[in-house]
Amino acid sequence: MRRELRSRYVVLLAIFGFLVGVAPANGQTLGQPADKTVAVFGQSIHYFDLGSGPVVVLVHGLGSRKEDWLPVLEPLAQKYRLLVPDQIGFGKSDKPLLDYTVQTYVDFLNEFLRQLKVEKVSLVGESLGGWISALYAVELSDGGHLIALDKLVLVDAAGLKQDAPIPNLNPSSLAAMRGLMESVFYDTSWLTEDALRKIFTDKLSVHDGYTVRSLLASAAAGTERLDDRMAKIKTPTLVVWGKQDKLLPIASGERYAAGIAGAKLVSFDKCGHVPPIEKTDEFVAAVSAFLAGSVVR
């Protein structure tokens, strides 16, 4: 019972962005890593830097932030140095009025690594972060001057053409926010009216609406989709997906796994668009095994 309550609490707190010194049901304090900053192309990028070992960057998705990775940080940091940025335009990082594209994020990610003097890295990208990470791998195989990749993990990744319309990803009302949460999560039993109001309040407070709108407009043009380019990826790849993902159905995960030579697909039942939150233990086990070079089951 305590474990179930703690899991529910972590989900709620991760979404609200309030994971600082809060005591969950098991009485332990959920600590948060120190917030660091680095200048990238003259812009202030906030990030976490914790653990030691081979470098792994956790690349968050659209409208997300570094805190949404908090449930997986402690176990992954046991063997890896984790770099977890608020990408440009999101979280606490600067939000310049750019015409944002996926390429913008590839460029910022590479420069972020250069500034931190990282020589080789594994990327774990979720949703938009998966698209960014996959495009990074494509450009590396094309001879781009990018920091070398060791492994690639695509988590419910965007970047492929979708058959069904995608829900409103930039909600400006409570009803639209509820619709988005119901698309993101498999289990929405926690989504009370009070919880919805807190999520909407938090969304408005981070001021990333322009960034999201700009990215959605760029994505709609389709010029950066990876349907015909993912076969160029030569980096060892793990594809992780929630079987009940309503936002980006598992068919996209199957296409990524089939389109990247040697890629393996791991999927979780009773899981939506955010396996690191809804299936934390299973996600950590699969990613850890893959990064260590073990067989992923």
C-alpha atoms as a PDB file:
ATOM      1  CA  MET A   1       0.000   0.000   0.000  1.00  0.00           C
ATOM      2  CA  ARG A   2       2.802   2.411   0.859  1.00  0.00           C
ATOM      3  CA  ARG A   3       4.506   1.732  -2.454  1.00  0.00           C
ATOM      4  CA  GLU A   4       1.266   2.393  -4.352  1.00  0.00           C
ATOM      5  CA  LEU A   5       0.715   5.673  -2.495  1.00  0.00           C
ATOM      6  CA  ARG A   6       4.294   6.744  -3.073  1.00  0.00           C
ATOM      7  CA  SER A   7       4.044   6.003  -6.795  1.00  0.00           C
ATOM      8  CA  ARG A   8       0.856   8.036  -7.061  1.00  0.00           C
ATOM      9  CA  TYR A   9       2.459  10.866  -5.131  1.00  0.00           C
ATOM     10  CA  VAL A  10       5.525  10.869  -7.371  1.00  0.00           C
ATOM     11  CA  VAL A  11       3.346  11.040 -10.483  1.00  0.00           C
ATOM     12  CA  LEU A  12       1.417  14.012  -9.180  1.00  0.00           C
ATOM     13  CA  LEU A  13       4.472  15.871  -7.948  1.00  0.00           C
ATOM     14  CA  ALA A  14       6.433  15.268 -11.118  1.00  0.00           C
ATOM     15  CA  ILE A  15       3.625  16.770 -13.155  1.00  0.00           C
ATOM     16  CA  PHE A  16       3.178  19.734 -10.814  1.00  0.00           C
ATOM     17  CA  GLY A  17       6.942  20.385 -10.691  1.00  0.00           C
ATOM     18  CA  PHE A  18       6.905  20.597  -6.887  1.00  0.00           C
ATOM     19  CA  LEU A  19       9.515  17.913  -6.080  1.00  0.00           C
ATOM     20  CA  VAL A  20      11.500  19.930  -3.555  1.00  0.00           C
ATOM     21  CA  GLY A  21      11.682  18.676   0.010  1.00  0.00           C
ATOM     22  CA  VAL A  22       8.258  17.014  -0.057  1.00  0.00           C
ATOM     23  CA  ALA A  23       7.664  13.991   2.191  1.00  0.00           C
ATOM     24  CA  PRO A  24       5.758  11.205   0.390  1.00  0.00           C
ATOM     25  CA  ALA A  25       3.790   8.409   2.025  1.00  0.00           C
ATOM     26  CA  ASN A  26       6.823   6.362   3.053  1.00  0.00           C
ATOM     27  CA  GLY A  27       8.158   9.236   5.153  1.00  0.00           C
ATOM     28  CA  GLN A  28      11.319   9.781   3.076  1.00  0.00           C
ATOM     29  CA  THR A  29      12.230  13.128   1.553  1.00  0.00           C
ATOM     30  CA  LEU A  30      12.412  13.345  -2.203  1.00  0.00           C
ATOM     31  CA  GLY A  31      15.545  15.434  -2.722  1.00  0.00           C
ATOM     32  CA  GLN A  32      16.230  17.428  -5.855  1.00  0.00           C
ATOM     33  CA  PRO A  33      19.682  17.867  -7.411  1.00  0.00           C
ATOM     34  CA  ALA A  34      21.274  21.302  -7.406  1.00  0.00           C
ATOM     35  CA  ASP A  35      20.197  23.537 -10.272  1.00  0.00           C
ATOM     36  CA  LYS A  36      23.200  24.480 -12.422  1.00  0.00           C
ATOM     37  CA  THR A  37      23.508  26.831 -15.379  1.00  0.00           C
ATOM     38  CA  VAL A  38      25.709  27.052 -18.455  1.00  0.00           C
ATOM     39  CA  ALA A  39      25.711  29.568 -21.314  1.00  0.00           C
ATOM     40  CA  VAL A  40      24.864  27.970 -24.672  1.00  0.00           C
ATOM     41  CA  PHE A  41      24.931  30.327 -27.662  1.00  0.00           C
ATOM     42  CA  GLY A  42      24.632  33.129 -25.132  1.00  0.00           C
ATOM     43  CA  GLN A  43      21.488  31.656 -23.570  1.00  0.00           C
ATOM     44  CA  SER A  44      21.252  30.424 -19.978  1.00  0.00           C
ATOM     45  CA  ILE A  45      20.515  26.692 -19.846  1.00  0.00           C
ATOM     46  CA  HIS A  46      19.553  25.199 -16.478  1.00  0.00           C
ATOM     47  CA  TYR A  47      20.422  21.569 -15.820  1.00  0.00           C
ATOM     48  CA  PHE A  48      21.021  18.825 -13.272  1.00  0.00           C
ATOM     49  CA  ASP A  49      24.419  17.108 -13.131  1.00  0.00           C
ATOM     50  CA  LEU A  50      24.587  14.078 -10.855  1.00  0.00           C
ATOM     51  CA  GLY A  51      26.186  10.658 -10.537  1.00  0.00           C
ATOM     52  CA  SER A  52      29.430   9.446 -12.071  1.00  0.00           C
ATOM     53  CA  GLY A  53      30.426   7.134 -14.888  1.00  0.00           C
ATOM     54  CA  PRO A  54      29.585   7.183 -18.600  1.00  0.00           C
ATOM     55  CA  VAL A  55      27.604  10.290 -19.522  1.00  0.00           C
ATOM     56  CA  VAL A  56      23.866   9.944 -20.188  1.00  0.00           C
ATOM     57  CA  VAL A  57      21.708  12.912 -21.181  1.00  0.00           C
ATOM     58  CA  LEU A  58      17.985  12.746 -20.418  1.00  0.00           C
ATOM     59  CA  VAL A  59      16.187  14.807 -23.074  1.00  0.00           C
ATOM     60  CA  HIS A  60      12.676  15.869 -22.066  1.00  0.00           C
ATOM     61  CA  GLY A  61       9.663  16.365 -24.294  1.00  0.00           C
ATOM     62  CA  LEU A  62       7.390  19.184 -25.447  1.00  0.00           C
ATOM     63  CA  GLY A  63       6.165  21.388 -22.619  1.00  0.00           C
ATOM     64  CA  SER A  64       8.197  19.357 -20.143  1.00  0.00           C
ATOM     65  CA  ARG A  65      11.249  20.126 -17.990  1.00  0.00           C
ATOM     66  CA  LYS A  66      14.124  18.454 -16.217  1.00  0.00           C
ATOM     67  CA  GLU A  67      12.066  17.794 -13.054  1.00  0.00           C
ATOM     68  CA  ASP A  68       9.860  15.349 -14.945  1.00  0.00           C
ATOM     69  CA  TRP A  69      12.812  12.907 -14.903  1.00  0.00           C
ATOM     70  CA  LEU A  70      13.069  12.981 -11.099  1.00  0.00           C
ATOM     71  CA  PRO A  71      11.543   9.511 -10.506  1.00  0.00           C
ATOM     72  CA  VAL A  72      14.398   7.816 -12.441  1.00  0.00           C
ATOM     73  CA  LEU A  73      17.376   9.944 -11.412  1.00  0.00           C
ATOM     74  CA  GLU A  74      18.470   8.210  -8.221  1.00  0.00           C
ATOM     75  CA  PRO A  75      18.678   4.651  -9.633  1.00  0.00           C
ATOM     76  CA  LEU A  76      20.292   5.699 -12.940  1.00  0.00           C
ATOM     77  CA  ALA A  77      22.832   7.919 -11.191  1.00  0.00           C
ATOM     78  CA  GLN A  78      24.247   4.886  -9.386  1.00  0.00           C
ATOM     79  CA  LYS A  79      26.245   3.959 -12.507  1.00  0.00           C
ATOM     80  CA  TYR A  80      26.069   6.974 -14.814  1.00  0.00           C
ATOM     81  CA  ARG A  81      26.742  10.677 -14.863  1.00  0.00           C
ATOM     82  CA  LEU A  82      23.357  12.147 -15.695  1.00  0.00           C
ATOM     83  CA  LEU A  83      23.042  15.489 -17.449  1.00  0.00           C
ATOM     84  CA  VAL A  84      19.428  16.620 -17.393  1.00  0.00           C
ATOM     85  CA  PRO A  85      18.806  19.991 -19.065  1.00  0.00           C
ATOM     86  CA  ASP A  86      15.827  22.266 -19.273  1.00  0.00           C
ATOM     87  CA  GLN A  87      15.992  22.597 -23.030  1.00  0.00           C
ATOM     88  CA  ILE A  88      15.987  26.061 -24.561  1.00  0.00           C
ATOM     89  CA  GLY A  89      12.509  27.575 -24.341  1.00  0.00           C
ATOM     90  CA  PHE A  90      11.405  25.306 -21.481  1.00  0.00           C
ATOM     91  CA  GLY A  91      11.629  25.068 -17.697  1.00  0.00           C
ATOM     92  CA  LYS A  92      13.962  27.622 -16.131  1.00  0.00           C
ATOM     93  CA  SER A  93      16.112  28.015 -19.244  1.00  0.00           C
ATOM     94  CA  ASP A  94      15.982  31.161 -21.362  1.00  0.00           C
ATOM     95  CA  LYS A  95      13.107  31.467 -23.808  1.00  0.00           C
ATOM     96  CA  PRO A  96      14.269  33.572 -26.763  1.00  0.00           C
ATOM     97  CA  LEU A  97      11.657  34.383 -29.406  1.00  0.00           C
ATOM     98  CA  LEU A  98      13.008  32.002 -32.048  1.00  0.00           C
ATOM     99  CA  ASP A  99      11.237  30.103 -34.781  1.00  0.00           C
ATOM    100  CA  TYR A 100      11.954  26.842 -32.945  1.00  0.00           C
ATOM    101  CA  THR A 101      12.646  23.685 -34.949  1.00  0.00           C
ATOM    102  CA  VAL A 102      13.934  20.232 -34.013  1.00  0.00           C
ATOM    103  CA  GLN A 103      17.238  21.296 -35.556  1.00  0.00           C
ATOM    104  CA  THR A 104      17.390  24.165 -33.055  1.00  0.00           C
ATOM    105  CA  TYR A 105      17.389  21.564 -30.281  1.00  0.00           C
ATOM    106  CA  VAL A 106      19.998  19.344 -31.944  1.00  0.00           C
ATOM    107  CA  ASP A 107      22.295  22.358 -32.226  1.00  0.00           C
ATOM    108  CA  PHE A 108      21.700  23.417 -28.617  1.00  0.00           C
ATOM    109  CA  LEU A 109      22.192  19.859 -27.339  1.00  0.00           C
ATOM    110  CA  ASN A 110      25.514  19.487 -29.121  1.00  0.00           C
ATOM    111  CA  GLU A 111      26.732  22.886 -27.926  1.00  0.00           C
ATOM    112  CA  PHE A 112      25.569  22.087 -24.380  1.00  0.00           C
ATOM    113  CA  LEU A 113      27.776  18.980 -24.472  1.00  0.00           C
ATOM    114  CA  ARG A 114      30.685  20.942 -25.927  1.00  0.00           C
ATOM    115  CA  GLN A 115      30.466  23.551 -23.196  1.00  0.00           C
ATOM    116  CA  LEU A 116      30.558  20.789 -20.561  1.00  0.00           C
ATOM    117  CA  LYS A 117      33.508  19.157 -22.382  1.00  0.00           C
ATOM    118  CA  VAL A 118      31.713  15.842 -22.870  1.00  0.00           C
ATOM    119  CA  GLU A 119      33.462  13.587 -25.382  1.00  0.00           C
ATOM    120  CA  LYS A 120      30.938  10.746 -25.706  1.00  0.00           C
ATOM    121  CA  VAL A 121      27.340  10.420 -24.598  1.00  0.00           C
ATOM    122  CA  SER A 122      24.256   8.218 -24.563  1.00  0.00           C
ATOM    123  CA  LEU A 123      20.939   9.956 -25.217  1.00  0.00           C
ATOM    124  CA  VAL A 124      17.630   9.009 -23.604  1.00  0.00           C
ATOM    125  CA  GLY A 125      14.940  11.092 -25.292  1.00  0.00           C
ATOM    126  CA  GLU A 126      11.232  11.121 -24.519  1.00  0.00           C
ATOM    127  CA  SER A 127       8.553  12.295 -26.987  1.00  0.00           C
ATOM    128  CA  LEU A 128       9.956  15.474 -28.615  1.00  0.00           C
ATOM    129  CA  GLY A 129      13.207  14.599 -26.836  1.00  0.00           C
ATOM    130  CA  GLY A 130      13.198  11.293 -28.718  1.00  0.00           C
ATOM    131  CA  TRP A 131      12.795  13.130 -32.019  1.00  0.00           C
ATOM    132  CA  ILE A 132      15.688  15.428 -31.121  1.00  0.00           C
ATOM    133  CA  SER A 133      17.859  12.471 -30.085  1.00  0.00           C
ATOM    134  CA  ALA A 134      17.023  10.474 -33.210  1.00  0.00           C
ATOM    135  CA  LEU A 135      17.755  13.438 -35.502  1.00  0.00           C
ATOM    136  CA  TYR A 136      21.048  13.917 -33.639  1.00  0.00           C
ATOM    137  CA  ALA A 137      21.928  10.271 -34.414  1.00  0.00           C
ATOM    138  CA  VAL A 138      20.913  10.687 -38.071  1.00  0.00           C
ATOM    139  CA  GLU A 139      23.097  13.758 -38.499  1.00  0.00           C
ATOM    140  CA  LEU A 140      26.006  12.066 -36.752  1.00  0.00           C
ATOM    141  CA  SER A 141      25.821   9.192 -39.235  1.00  0.00           C
ATOM    142  CA  ASP A 142      25.720  11.763 -42.051  1.00  0.00           C
ATOM    143  CA  GLY A 143      29.083  13.074 -40.887  1.00  0.00           C
ATOM    144  CA  GLY A 144      27.845  15.969 -38.772  1.00  0.00           C
ATOM    145  CA  HIS A 145      30.330  17.576 -36.381  1.00  0.00           C
ATOM    146  CA  LEU A 146      28.597  16.323 -33.271  1.00  0.00           C
ATOM    147  CA  ILE A 147      29.720  14.803 -29.984  1.00  0.00           C
ATOM    148  CA  ALA A 148      30.018  11.018 -30.408  1.00  0.00           C
ATOM    149  CA  LEU A 149      27.128   8.766 -29.379  1.00  0.00           C
ATOM    150  CA  ASP A 150      27.420   5.532 -27.435  1.00  0.00           C
ATOM    151  CA  LYS A 151      23.776   4.418 -27.091  1.00  0.00           C
ATOM    152  CA  LEU A 152      20.355   5.807 -28.033  1.00  0.00           C
ATOM    153  CA  VAL A 153      17.068   5.274 -26.166  1.00  0.00           C
ATOM    154  CA  LEU A 154      13.859   6.493 -27.809  1.00  0.00           C
ATOM    155  CA  VAL A 155      10.953   6.756 -25.360  1.00  0.00           C
ATOM    156  CA  ASP A 156       7.516   7.194 -26.974  1.00  0.00           C
ATOM    157  CA  ALA A 157       9.367   9.318 -29.503  1.00  0.00           C
ATOM    158  CA  ALA A 158       7.820  11.814 -31.874  1.00  0.00           C
ATOM    159  CA  GLY A 159       9.246  12.360 -35.348  1.00  0.00           C
ATOM    160  CA  LEU A 160       7.183  10.036 -37.537  1.00  0.00           C
ATOM    161  CA  LYS A 161       4.054  10.841 -39.541  1.00  0.00           C
ATOM    162  CA  GLN A 162       0.895  10.130 -37.528  1.00  0.00           C
ATOM    163  CA  ASP A 163      -2.298   8.724 -39.019  1.00  0.00           C
ATOM    164  CA  ALA A 164      -4.618  10.207 -36.390  1.00  0.00           C
ATOM    165  CA  PRO A 165      -4.792  13.872 -35.341  1.00  0.00           C
ATOM    166  CA  ILE A 166      -2.713  14.761 -32.284  1.00  0.00           C
ATOM    167  CA  PRO A 167      -4.626  16.391 -29.386  1.00  0.00           C
ATOM    168  CA  ASN A 168      -4.109  20.001 -28.358  1.00  0.00           C
ATOM    169  CA  LEU A 169      -0.569  20.117 -26.949  1.00  0.00           C
ATOM    170  CA  ASN A 170      -0.737  23.768 -25.915  1.00  0.00           C
ATOM    171  CA  PRO A 171      -3.865  23.848 -23.731  1.00  0.00           C
ATOM    172  CA  SER A 172      -5.300  27.242 -22.837  1.00  0.00           C
ATOM    173  CA  SER A 173      -8.301  26.026 -20.858  1.00  0.00           C
ATOM    174  CA  LEU A 174      -9.079  23.508 -18.121  1.00  0.00           C
ATOM    175  CA  ALA A 175     -11.006  21.325 -20.566  1.00  0.00           C
ATOM    176  CA  ALA A 176      -8.092  21.244 -23.016  1.00  0.00           C
ATOM    177  CA  MET A 177      -5.674  20.435 -20.180  1.00  0.00           C
ATOM    178  CA  ARG A 178      -7.867  17.559 -19.049  1.00  0.00           C
ATOM    179  CA  GLY A 179      -7.911  16.221 -22.600  1.00  0.00           C
ATOM    180  CA  LEU A 180      -4.139  16.377 -22.770  1.00  0.00           C
ATOM    181  CA  MET A 181      -3.687  14.583 -19.425  1.00  0.00           C
ATOM    182  CA  GLU A 182      -6.083  11.860 -20.566  1.00  0.00           C
ATOM    183  CA  SER A 183      -3.977  11.418 -23.709  1.00  0.00           C
ATOM    184  CA  VAL A 184      -0.698  11.316 -21.796  1.00  0.00           C
ATOM    185  CA  PHE A 185      -1.567   8.970 -18.906  1.00  0.00           C
ATOM    186  CA  TYR A 186      -3.034   5.480 -18.866  1.00  0.00           C
ATOM    187  CA  ASP A 187      -4.293   5.876 -15.296  1.00  0.00           C
ATOM    188  CA  THR A 188      -6.027   9.205 -14.697  1.00  0.00           C
ATOM    189  CA  SER A 189      -7.860   8.198 -11.518  1.00  0.00           C
ATOM    190  CA  TRP A 190      -5.786  10.842  -9.688  1.00  0.00           C
ATOM    191  CA  LEU A 191      -6.973  13.637 -12.012  1.00  0.00           C
ATOM    192  CA  THR A 192      -9.400  15.374  -9.664  1.00  0.00           C
ATOM    193  CA  GLU A 193     -10.657  18.908 -10.254  1.00  0.00           C
ATOM    194  CA  ASP A 194      -8.134  20.207  -7.715  1.00  0.00           C
ATOM    195  CA  ALA A 195      -5.287  18.327  -9.405  1.00  0.00           C
ATOM    196  CA  LEU A 196      -6.357  19.673 -12.797  1.00  0.00           C
ATOM    197  CA  ARG A 197      -6.369  23.235 -11.498  1.00  0.00           C
ATOM    198  CA  LYS A 198      -2.867  22.810 -10.048  1.00  0.00           C
ATOM    199  CA  ILE A 199      -1.544  21.388 -13.320  1.00  0.00           C
ATOM    200  CA  PHE A 200      -3.084  24.228 -15.329  1.00  0.00           C
ATOM    201  CA  THR A 201      -1.716  26.834 -12.892  1.00  0.00           C
ATOM    202  CA  ASP A 202       1.750  25.288 -13.144  1.00  0.00           C
ATOM    203  CA  LYS A 203       1.543  25.200 -16.947  1.00  0.00           C
ATOM    204  CA  LEU A 204       0.750  28.917 -17.077  1.00  0.00           C
ATOM    205  CA  SER A 205       3.583  29.765 -14.660  1.00  0.00           C
ATOM    206  CA  VAL A 206       6.409  28.403 -16.854  1.00  0.00           C
ATOM    207  CA  HIS A 207       5.656  30.681 -19.830  1.00  0.00           C
ATOM    208  CA  ASP A 208       6.511  28.154 -22.544  1.00  0.00           C
ATOM    209  CA  GLY A 209       3.374  28.636 -24.647  1.00  0.00           C
ATOM    210  CA  TYR A 210       5.238  30.511 -27.384  1.00  0.00           C
ATOM    211  CA  THR A 211       7.888  27.781 -27.584  1.00  0.00           C
ATOM    212  CA  VAL A 212       5.258  25.039 -27.866  1.00  0.00           C
ATOM    213  CA  ARG A 213       3.259  26.915 -30.495  1.00  0.00           C
ATOM    214  CA  SER A 214       6.383  27.620 -32.547  1.00  0.00           C
ATOM    215  CA  LEU A 215       7.487  23.977 -32.427  1.00  0.00           C
ATOM    216  CA  LEU A 216       4.035  22.697 -33.360  1.00  0.00           C
ATOM    217  CA  ALA A 217       3.977  24.984 -36.392  1.00  0.00           C
ATOM    218  CA  SER A 218       7.399  23.732 -37.437  1.00  0.00           C
ATOM    219  CA  ALA A 219       6.408  20.082 -36.913  1.00  0.00           C
ATOM    220  CA  ALA A 220       3.270  20.542 -39.020  1.00  0.00           C
ATOM    221  CA  ALA A 221       5.428  21.423 -42.021  1.00  0.00           C
ATOM    222  CA  GLY A 222       6.820  17.869 -41.925  1.00  0.00           C
ATOM    223  CA  THR A 223      10.282  18.768 -43.223  1.00  0.00           C
ATOM    224  CA  GLU A 224      12.094  17.272 -40.224  1.00  0.00           C
ATOM    225  CA  ARG A 225      10.196  13.996 -39.989  1.00  0.00           C
ATOM    226  CA  LEU A 226      12.343  10.907 -39.804  1.00  0.00           C
ATOM    227  CA  ASP A 227      10.210   8.343 -41.667  1.00  0.00           C
ATOM    228  CA  ASP A 228      12.682   8.204 -44.560  1.00  0.00           C
ATOM    229  CA  ARG A 229      15.823   8.944 -42.535  1.00  0.00           C
ATOM    230  CA  MET A 230      15.786   6.708 -39.458  1.00  0.00           C
ATOM    231  CA  ALA A 231      17.520   3.898 -41.377  1.00  0.00           C
ATOM    232  CA  LYS A 232      20.628   6.095 -41.313  1.00  0.00           C
ATOM    233  CA  ILE A 233      20.926   5.651 -37.537  1.00  0.00           C
ATOM    234  CA  LYS A 234      23.922   3.444 -36.764  1.00  0.00           C
ATOM    235  CA  THR A 235      23.952   3.955 -32.984  1.00  0.00           C
ATOM    236  CA  PRO A 236      22.784   0.943 -30.903  1.00  0.00           C
ATOM    237  CA  THR A 237      19.147   1.777 -30.150  1.00  0.00           C
ATOM    238  CA  LEU A 238      16.497   0.770 -27.639  1.00  0.00           C
ATOM    239  CA  VAL A 239      12.893   1.791 -28.323  1.00  0.00           C
ATOM    240  CA  VAL A 240      10.695   2.026 -25.216  1.00  0.00           C
ATOM    241  CA  TRP A 241       6.941   2.530 -25.427  1.00  0.00           C
ATOM    242  CA  GLY A 242       3.723   2.518 -23.421  1.00  0.00           C
ATOM    243  CA  LYS A 243       1.282   0.067 -24.979  1.00  0.00           C
ATOM    244  CA  GLN A 244      -1.666   2.364 -24.292  1.00  0.00           C
ATOM    245  CA  ASP A 245      -0.034   5.574 -25.505  1.00  0.00           C
ATOM    246  CA  LYS A 246      -2.902   7.621 -26.982  1.00  0.00           C
ATOM    247  CA  LEU A 247      -0.701  10.528 -27.990  1.00  0.00           C
ATOM    248  CA  LEU A 248       1.801   8.577 -30.090  1.00  0.00           C
ATOM    249  CA  PRO A 249       0.448   5.029 -30.504  1.00  0.00           C
ATOM    250  CA  ILE A 250       2.743   2.047 -30.196  1.00  0.00           C
ATOM    251  CA  ALA A 251       2.636   1.597 -33.978  1.00  0.00           C
ATOM    252  CA  SER A 252       5.199   4.418 -34.097  1.00  0.00           C
ATOM    253  CA  GLY A 253       7.435   2.493 -31.713  1.00  0.00           C
ATOM    254  CA  GLU A 254       7.170  -0.553 -33.926  1.00  0.00           C
ATOM    255  CA  ARG A 255       8.111   1.546 -36.951  1.00  0.00           C
ATOM    256  CA  TYR A 256      11.150   2.976 -35.187  1.00  0.00           C
ATOM    257  CA  ALA A 257      12.273  -0.500 -34.098  1.00  0.00           C
ATOM    258  CA  ALA A 258      11.789  -1.895 -37.607  1.00  0.00           C
ATOM    259  CA  GLY A 259      13.440   1.069 -39.302  1.00  0.00           C
ATOM    260  CA  ILE A 260      16.660   1.224 -37.240  1.00  0.00           C
ATOM    261  CA  ALA A 261      19.022  -1.686 -37.815  1.00  0.00           C
ATOM    262  CA  GLY A 262      19.411  -3.831 -34.703  1.00  0.00           C
ATOM    263  CA  ALA A 263      16.956  -1.784 -32.617  1.00  0.00           C
ATOM    264  CA  LYS A 264      14.951  -3.565 -29.929  1.00  0.00           C
ATOM    265  CA  LEU A 265      11.451  -2.593 -28.799  1.00  0.00           C
ATOM    266  CA  VAL A 266      10.390  -2.911 -25.153  1.00  0.00           C
ATOM    267  CA  SER A 267       6.781  -2.030 -24.329  1.00  0.00           C
ATOM    268  CA  PHE A 268       4.912  -1.725 -21.042  1.00  0.00           C
ATOM    269  CA  ASP A 269       1.296  -2.714 -20.467  1.00  0.00           C
ATOM    270  CA  LYS A 270      -1.087  -0.364 -18.646  1.00  0.00           C
ATOM    271  CA  CYS A 271       1.167   2.539 -19.600  1.00  0.00           C
ATOM    272  CA  GLY A 272       0.570   5.686 -21.611  1.00  0.00           C
ATOM    273  CA  HIS A 273       2.978   8.276 -23.004  1.00  0.00           C
ATOM    274  CA  VAL A 274       5.263   8.583 -19.956  1.00  0.00           C
ATOM    275  CA  PRO A 275       6.875   5.229 -18.988  1.00  0.00           C
ATOM    276  CA  PRO A 276       9.468   6.915 -16.707  1.00  0.00           C
ATOM    277  CA  ILE A 277       6.574   8.054 -14.505  1.00  0.00           C
ATOM    278  CA  GLU A 278       3.966   5.308 -14.915  1.00  0.00           C
ATOM    279  CA  LYS A 279       6.369   2.346 -15.076  1.00  0.00           C
ATOM    280  CA  THR A 280       9.408   3.702 -13.278  1.00  0.00           C
ATOM    281  CA  ASP A 281      10.951   0.423 -12.068  1.00  0.00           C
ATOM    282  CA  GLU A 282      10.438  -1.377 -15.371  1.00  0.00           C
ATOM    283  CA  PHE A 283      11.757   1.609 -17.316  1.00  0.00           C
ATOM    284  CA  VAL A 284      14.894   1.891 -15.191  1.00  0.00           C
ATOM    285  CA  ALA A 285      15.535  -1.858 -15.475  1.00  0.00           C
ATOM    286  CA  ALA A 286      15.220  -1.856 -19.273  1.00  0.00           C
ATOM    287  CA  VAL A 287      17.326   1.263 -19.809  1.00  0.00           C
ATOM    288  CA  SER A 288      19.992   0.181 -17.308  1.00  0.00           C
ATOM    289  CA  ALA A 289      20.333  -3.246 -18.946  1.00  0.00           C
ATOM    290  CA  PHE A 290      20.622  -1.689 -22.387  1.00  0.00           C
ATOM    291  CA  LEU A 291      23.182   0.920 -21.352  1.00  0.00           C
ATOM    292  CA  ALA A 292      25.224  -1.814 -19.653  1.00  0.00           C
ATOM    293  CA  GLY A 293      25.167  -3.944 -22.788  1.00  0.00           C
ATOM    294  CA  SER A 294      22.983  -6.679 -21.277  1.00  0.00           C
ATOM    295  CA  VAL A 295      20.103  -8.426 -23.003  1.00  0.00           C
ATOM    296  CA  VAL A 296      16.906  -6.390 -22.567  1.00  0.00           C
ATOM    297  CA  ARG A 297      13.796  -8.447 -21.897  1.00  0.00           C
END
